[in-house]
């Protein structure tokens, strides 16, 4: 009889353990369903709620809580996209609207310069033309940025030699580099680094990075293309700090030494790099700025 009682207890324990194992299995299954659905909802804009197969109250409460937060996140995402679209449209409209008065300013400047004028008047006209040229450059940069952000902007990828395109870009900046007394140290791997990229977009990235280097560099610019294909523009920048470095790629962000800029140069470089599945980032250490580009 004692043996029967013992077997009864063992049977009850076995049933309890089996029930617990089934419970654990169902909870793990529900957790997996929530994880998979959560990852999917973060990448796809959908109103579909996370659904789980278990009837466990705690897991269903967790799924409901996540659904509420996802709904809030989706609302914020829509607001952000709407505001970003409005900003892009505003940039496009502003860049177009500024071109008309600029054209008129240049026309009247040309007429005034043909008139007889005093030395002071000539000096003032020279200042006005300089400011008009600066405004035109900034307007053109805004216009290029609006084109890059346009949905109609399609990149034409082709097999490119990174070293060759980099050398061509550096050569095109010979005059500005010489004007600023910058003799760059160039180290380009002998390996042929090929990538499928848009030539115009890649040249624009190199051009913007070189322009940025000229603004911040003393006379110690280093340009490196490593065997891995990573490209590094490095120069001393004692006027920067880590916080400013982290914001260099932000749209419209400028630092004191670049007041004549819209702050779009590096933002354009980042946008183009991301459109071609590349990454670009900046590092600052011991008074030195290094901008890394990798495809």
Protein backbone atom coordinates (compact mmCIF):
# COMPACT_ATOMS: atom_id res chain seq x y z
CA UNK A 1 0.00 0.00 0.00
CA UNK A 2 2.88 2.35 0.81
CA UNK A 3 4.30 1.51 -2.62
CA UNK A 4 1.06 2.46 -4.31
CA UNK A 5 1.04 5.74 -2.37
CA UNK A 6 4.61 6.42 -3.53
CA UNK A 7 3.74 5.70 -7.15
CA UNK A 8 0.78 7.99 -6.85
CA UNK A 9 2.97 10.85 -5.66
CA UNK A 10 5.44 10.17 -8.48
CA UNK A 11 2.58 10.20 -10.99
CA UNK A 12 1.27 13.50 -9.64
CA UNK A 13 4.77 15.04 -9.79
CA UNK A 14 5.22 13.75 -13.34
CA UNK A 15 1.96 15.38 -14.39
CA UNK A 16 2.99 18.65 -12.71
CA UNK A 17 6.41 18.59 -14.37
CA UNK A 18 4.84 17.81 -17.73
CA UNK A 19 2.39 20.66 -17.27
CA UNK A 20 5.25 23.02 -16.37
CA UNK A 21 7.25 21.92 -19.40
CA UNK A 22 4.26 22.55 -21.64
CA UNK A 23 3.78 25.95 -19.98
CA UNK A 24 7.43 26.85 -20.50
CA UNK A 25 7.25 25.70 -24.13
CA UNK A 26 4.18 27.86 -24.76
CA UNK A 27 5.78 30.88 -23.06
CA UNK A 28 8.96 30.47 -25.11
CA UNK A 29 6.89 30.15 -28.25
CA UNK A 30 4.93 33.30 -27.37
CA UNK A 31 8.16 35.18 -26.62
CA UNK A 32 9.54 34.12 -30.00
CA UNK A 33 6.37 35.25 -31.74
CA UNK A 34 6.52 38.63 -30.01
CA UNK A 35 10.20 39.07 -30.88
CA UNK A 36 9.72 38.19 -34.55
CA UNK A 37 6.62 40.35 -34.90
CA UNK A 38 8.26 43.26 -33.06
CA UNK A 39 11.29 43.22 -35.37
CA UNK A 40 8.97 43.10 -38.38
CA UNK A 41 6.88 46.05 -37.16
CA UNK A 42 10.00 48.19 -36.69
CA UNK A 43 10.98 47.80 -40.35
CA UNK A 44 7.54 47.77 -41.99
CA UNK A 45 4.98 50.55 -41.65
CA UNK A 46 1.79 48.63 -40.85
CA UNK A 47 -1.22 48.85 -38.58
CA UNK A 48 -1.24 45.08 -38.01
CA UNK A 49 -1.05 44.27 -34.31
CA UNK A 50 1.24 41.71 -32.74
CA UNK A 51 -0.74 38.51 -32.22
CA UNK A 52 0.34 35.48 -30.22
CA UNK A 53 -1.03 31.94 -30.12
CA UNK A 54 -0.94 31.47 -26.34
CA UNK A 55 -3.74 32.41 -24.00
CA UNK A 56 -1.37 33.24 -21.14
CA UNK A 57 -2.60 36.44 -19.52
CA UNK A 58 0.88 37.86 -18.79
CA UNK A 59 2.16 37.29 -22.35
CA UNK A 60 -1.00 38.74 -23.89
CA UNK A 61 -0.67 41.77 -21.64
CA UNK A 62 2.94 42.16 -22.77
CA UNK A 63 1.90 41.95 -26.44
CA UNK A 64 -0.84 44.54 -25.86
CA UNK A 65 1.62 46.90 -24.16
CA UNK A 66 4.07 46.57 -27.06
CA UNK A 67 1.24 47.21 -29.54
CA UNK A 68 0.39 50.48 -27.77
CA UNK A 69 4.01 51.64 -27.89
CA UNK A 70 4.30 50.64 -31.55
CA UNK A 71 1.21 52.71 -32.32
CA UNK A 72 2.80 55.74 -30.64
CA UNK A 73 6.05 55.13 -32.51
CA UNK A 74 4.18 54.87 -35.81
CA UNK A 75 2.44 58.18 -35.15
CA UNK A 76 5.74 59.90 -34.36
CA UNK A 77 7.31 58.34 -37.46
CA UNK A 78 4.54 59.69 -39.68
CA UNK A 79 4.91 63.15 -38.14
CA UNK A 80 8.67 63.06 -38.72
CA UNK A 81 8.31 61.97 -42.37
CA UNK A 82 5.69 64.65 -42.96
CA UNK A 83 7.87 67.36 -41.41
CA UNK A 84 10.93 66.12 -43.30
CA UNK A 85 9.00 66.19 -46.58
CA UNK A 86 7.84 69.75 -45.87
CA UNK A 87 11.43 70.78 -45.16
CA UNK A 88 12.68 69.20 -48.40
CA UNK A 89 9.96 71.01 -50.36
CA UNK A 90 10.83 74.25 -48.59
CA UNK A 91 14.51 73.84 -49.49
CA UNK A 92 13.59 73.24 -53.14
CA UNK A 93 11.27 76.25 -53.26
CA UNK A 94 13.73 78.55 -51.50
CA UNK A 95 16.59 77.57 -53.78
CA UNK A 96 14.41 78.27 -56.83
CA UNK A 97 13.00 81.53 -55.43
CA UNK A 98 16.45 82.92 -54.63
CA UNK A 99 17.71 82.43 -58.17
CA UNK A 100 15.35 84.99 -59.70
CA UNK A 101 16.42 88.00 -57.57
CA UNK A 102 20.04 86.91 -57.84
CA UNK A 103 19.81 87.02 -61.62
CA UNK A 104 18.42 90.56 -61.41
CA UNK A 105 21.18 91.61 -58.98
CA UNK A 106 23.87 90.38 -61.37
CA UNK A 107 22.19 92.18 -64.28
CA UNK A 108 22.09 95.52 -62.44
CA UNK A 109 25.66 95.02 -61.22
CA UNK A 110 26.80 94.55 -64.81
CA UNK A 111 25.03 97.79 -65.80
CA UNK A 112 26.51 99.73 -62.87
CA UNK A 113 30.02 98.52 -63.61
CA UNK A 114 29.73 100.00 -67.10
CA UNK A 115 28.91 103.43 -65.70
CA UNK A 116 31.48 106.03 -64.76
CA UNK A 117 32.12 105.73 -61.04
CA UNK A 118 34.32 107.01 -58.25
CA UNK A 119 36.93 104.93 -56.47
CA UNK A 120 34.63 104.47 -53.46
CA UNK A 121 31.72 103.42 -55.67
CA UNK A 122 33.93 100.88 -57.42
CA UNK A 123 34.99 99.46 -54.05
CA UNK A 124 31.40 99.16 -52.90
CA UNK A 125 30.41 97.43 -56.15
CA UNK A 126 33.23 94.96 -55.66
CA UNK A 127 31.96 94.18 -52.16
CA UNK A 128 28.40 93.76 -53.46
CA UNK A 129 29.58 91.39 -56.21
CA UNK A 130 31.53 89.35 -53.67
CA UNK A 131 28.45 88.99 -51.48
CA UNK A 132 26.32 88.14 -54.50
CA UNK A 133 28.82 85.44 -55.53
CA UNK A 134 28.71 83.99 -52.02
CA UNK A 135 24.91 84.00 -52.03
CA UNK A 136 24.91 82.31 -55.44
CA UNK A 137 27.26 79.59 -54.17
CA UNK A 138 25.04 78.95 -51.15
CA UNK A 139 21.91 78.91 -53.32
CA UNK A 140 23.52 76.43 -55.71
CA UNK A 141 24.39 74.20 -52.76
CA UNK A 142 20.78 74.30 -51.58
CA UNK A 143 19.61 73.46 -55.09
CA UNK A 144 21.99 70.49 -55.36
CA UNK A 145 20.81 69.23 -51.99
CA UNK A 146 17.18 69.42 -53.08
CA UNK A 147 18.01 67.43 -56.23
CA UNK A 148 19.78 64.74 -54.21
CA UNK A 149 16.77 64.35 -51.93
CA UNK A 150 14.33 64.24 -54.83
CA UNK A 151 12.62 60.85 -55.40
CA UNK A 152 13.45 61.29 -59.11
CA UNK A 153 17.17 61.25 -58.33
CA UNK A 154 18.37 57.85 -59.56
CA UNK A 155 21.97 56.76 -59.28
CA UNK A 156 23.65 55.06 -62.24
CA UNK A 157 26.03 52.53 -60.72
CA UNK A 158 29.03 51.22 -62.62
CA UNK A 159 32.23 49.43 -61.70
CA UNK A 160 34.65 52.11 -60.49
CA UNK A 161 38.27 52.10 -59.36
CA UNK A 162 38.18 53.99 -56.05
CA UNK A 163 41.84 54.98 -56.30
CA UNK A 164 41.45 56.43 -59.78
CA UNK A 165 38.36 58.50 -58.90
CA UNK A 166 40.04 59.71 -55.70
CA UNK A 167 43.17 60.80 -57.60
CA UNK A 168 41.03 62.68 -60.15
CA UNK A 169 39.16 64.48 -57.37
CA UNK A 170 42.37 65.49 -55.59
CA UNK A 171 43.84 66.76 -58.88
CA UNK A 172 40.74 68.91 -59.49
CA UNK A 173 41.39 70.61 -56.13
CA UNK A 174 44.99 71.51 -56.95
CA UNK A 175 44.31 75.26 -57.10
CA UNK A 176 42.30 75.55 -53.83
CA UNK A 177 44.83 73.38 -51.99
CA UNK A 178 47.73 75.50 -53.26
CA UNK A 179 45.86 78.70 -52.39
CA UNK A 180 45.59 77.51 -48.77
CA UNK A 181 49.23 76.30 -48.72
CA UNK A 182 48.11 72.71 -48.24
CA UNK A 183 50.28 69.94 -49.62
CA UNK A 184 48.35 66.76 -48.83
CA UNK A 185 50.08 63.53 -47.94
CA UNK A 186 48.45 60.97 -50.20
CA UNK A 187 48.67 57.24 -49.58
CA UNK A 188 46.71 55.14 -52.04
CA UNK A 189 47.01 51.38 -52.06
CA UNK A 190 48.37 49.74 -55.18
CA UNK A 191 45.54 47.24 -54.98
CA UNK A 192 42.76 47.86 -57.50
CA UNK A 193 39.72 48.56 -55.34
CA UNK A 194 36.58 48.15 -57.43
CA UNK A 195 33.09 49.10 -56.28
CA UNK A 196 29.73 49.42 -58.05
CA UNK A 197 28.97 53.12 -57.52
CA UNK A 198 27.66 56.22 -59.28
CA UNK A 199 30.66 58.19 -60.61
CA UNK A 200 29.06 61.61 -60.25
CA UNK A 201 27.88 60.89 -56.69
CA UNK A 202 31.27 59.50 -55.65
CA UNK A 203 33.06 62.53 -57.09
CA UNK A 204 30.63 64.79 -55.23
CA UNK A 205 31.42 63.01 -51.95
CA UNK A 206 35.17 63.40 -52.49
CA UNK A 207 34.67 67.04 -53.50
CA UNK A 208 32.68 67.83 -50.36
CA UNK A 209 35.19 66.04 -48.12
CA UNK A 210 38.07 67.94 -49.71
CA UNK A 211 36.21 71.24 -49.31
CA UNK A 212 35.60 70.41 -45.66
CA UNK A 213 39.27 69.52 -45.16
CA UNK A 214 40.36 72.84 -46.68
CA UNK A 215 38.09 74.72 -44.25
CA UNK A 216 39.48 72.98 -41.17
CA UNK A 217 42.97 71.88 -42.13
CA UNK A 218 46.22 73.65 -41.42
CA UNK A 219 48.88 72.29 -43.73
CA UNK A 220 48.78 68.68 -42.65
CA UNK A 221 46.01 67.07 -44.68
CA UNK A 222 46.39 63.30 -45.10
CA UNK A 223 44.34 61.29 -47.57
CA UNK A 224 44.48 57.50 -47.36
CA UNK A 225 42.94 54.67 -49.36
CA UNK A 226 43.54 51.40 -47.55
CA UNK A 227 43.61 47.87 -48.96
CA UNK A 228 40.18 47.30 -47.41
CA UNK A 229 38.74 50.11 -49.53
CA UNK A 230 38.29 52.47 -46.57
CA UNK A 231 39.09 56.10 -47.38
CA UNK A 232 40.29 58.47 -44.66
CA UNK A 233 40.63 62.26 -44.76
CA UNK A 234 42.63 63.34 -41.72
CA UNK A 235 43.83 66.78 -40.58
CA UNK A 236 44.49 68.78 -37.43
CA UNK A 237 41.43 70.67 -36.21
CA UNK A 238 42.19 72.25 -32.83
CA UNK A 239 39.05 74.40 -33.00
CA UNK A 240 36.75 71.37 -32.90
CA UNK A 241 35.64 69.14 -30.06
CA UNK A 242 33.98 65.75 -29.82
CA UNK A 243 30.46 67.21 -29.59
CA UNK A 244 30.91 69.31 -32.74
CA UNK A 245 32.49 66.34 -34.51
CA UNK A 246 29.39 64.27 -33.77
CA UNK A 247 27.21 66.92 -35.43
CA UNK A 248 29.32 67.57 -38.54
CA UNK A 249 26.99 65.49 -40.73
CA UNK A 250 23.83 67.12 -39.38
CA UNK A 251 21.83 69.10 -41.92
CA UNK A 252 22.56 72.88 -41.76
CA UNK A 253 25.05 72.48 -38.89
CA UNK A 254 28.10 74.75 -39.12
CA UNK A 255 30.96 75.63 -36.82
CA UNK A 256 32.56 79.04 -36.37
CA UNK A 257 35.25 78.49 -38.97
CA UNK A 258 32.66 77.71 -41.64
CA UNK A 259 30.18 80.58 -41.36
CA UNK A 260 30.12 81.03 -45.14
CA UNK A 261 28.67 77.57 -45.55
CA UNK A 262 25.11 76.27 -45.45
CA UNK A 263 26.31 73.29 -43.46
CA UNK A 264 25.08 70.97 -46.21
CA UNK A 265 28.40 69.75 -47.64
CA UNK A 266 28.96 66.83 -45.28
CA UNK A 267 25.23 66.14 -45.05
CA UNK A 268 25.16 65.75 -48.84
CA UNK A 269 28.19 63.45 -48.64
CA UNK A 270 26.45 61.28 -46.04
CA UNK A 271 23.19 61.15 -48.02
CA UNK A 272 24.97 60.11 -51.22
CA UNK A 273 27.10 57.53 -49.37
CA UNK A 274 24.00 55.97 -47.79
CA UNK A 275 22.19 55.92 -51.14
CA UNK A 276 25.10 53.82 -52.45
CA UNK A 277 24.99 51.51 -49.39
CA UNK A 278 28.10 53.08 -47.88
CA UNK A 279 28.91 54.48 -44.46
CA UNK A 280 30.64 57.71 -43.50
CA UNK A 281 31.61 58.91 -40.05
CA UNK A 282 33.98 61.26 -38.25
CA UNK A 283 36.36 60.72 -35.35
CA UNK A 284 38.16 63.30 -33.24
CA UNK A 285 41.18 62.53 -31.12
CA UNK A 286 44.10 64.62 -29.81
CA UNK A 287 43.10 67.67 -31.84
CA UNK A 288 42.80 65.68 -35.08
CA UNK A 289 39.74 65.18 -37.23
CA UNK A 290 39.43 62.02 -39.32
CA UNK A 291 36.54 61.43 -41.72
CA UNK A 292 36.14 57.79 -42.75
CA UNK A 293 34.31 56.56 -45.86
CA UNK A 294 33.62 52.92 -46.62
CA UNK A 295 31.66 51.13 -49.34
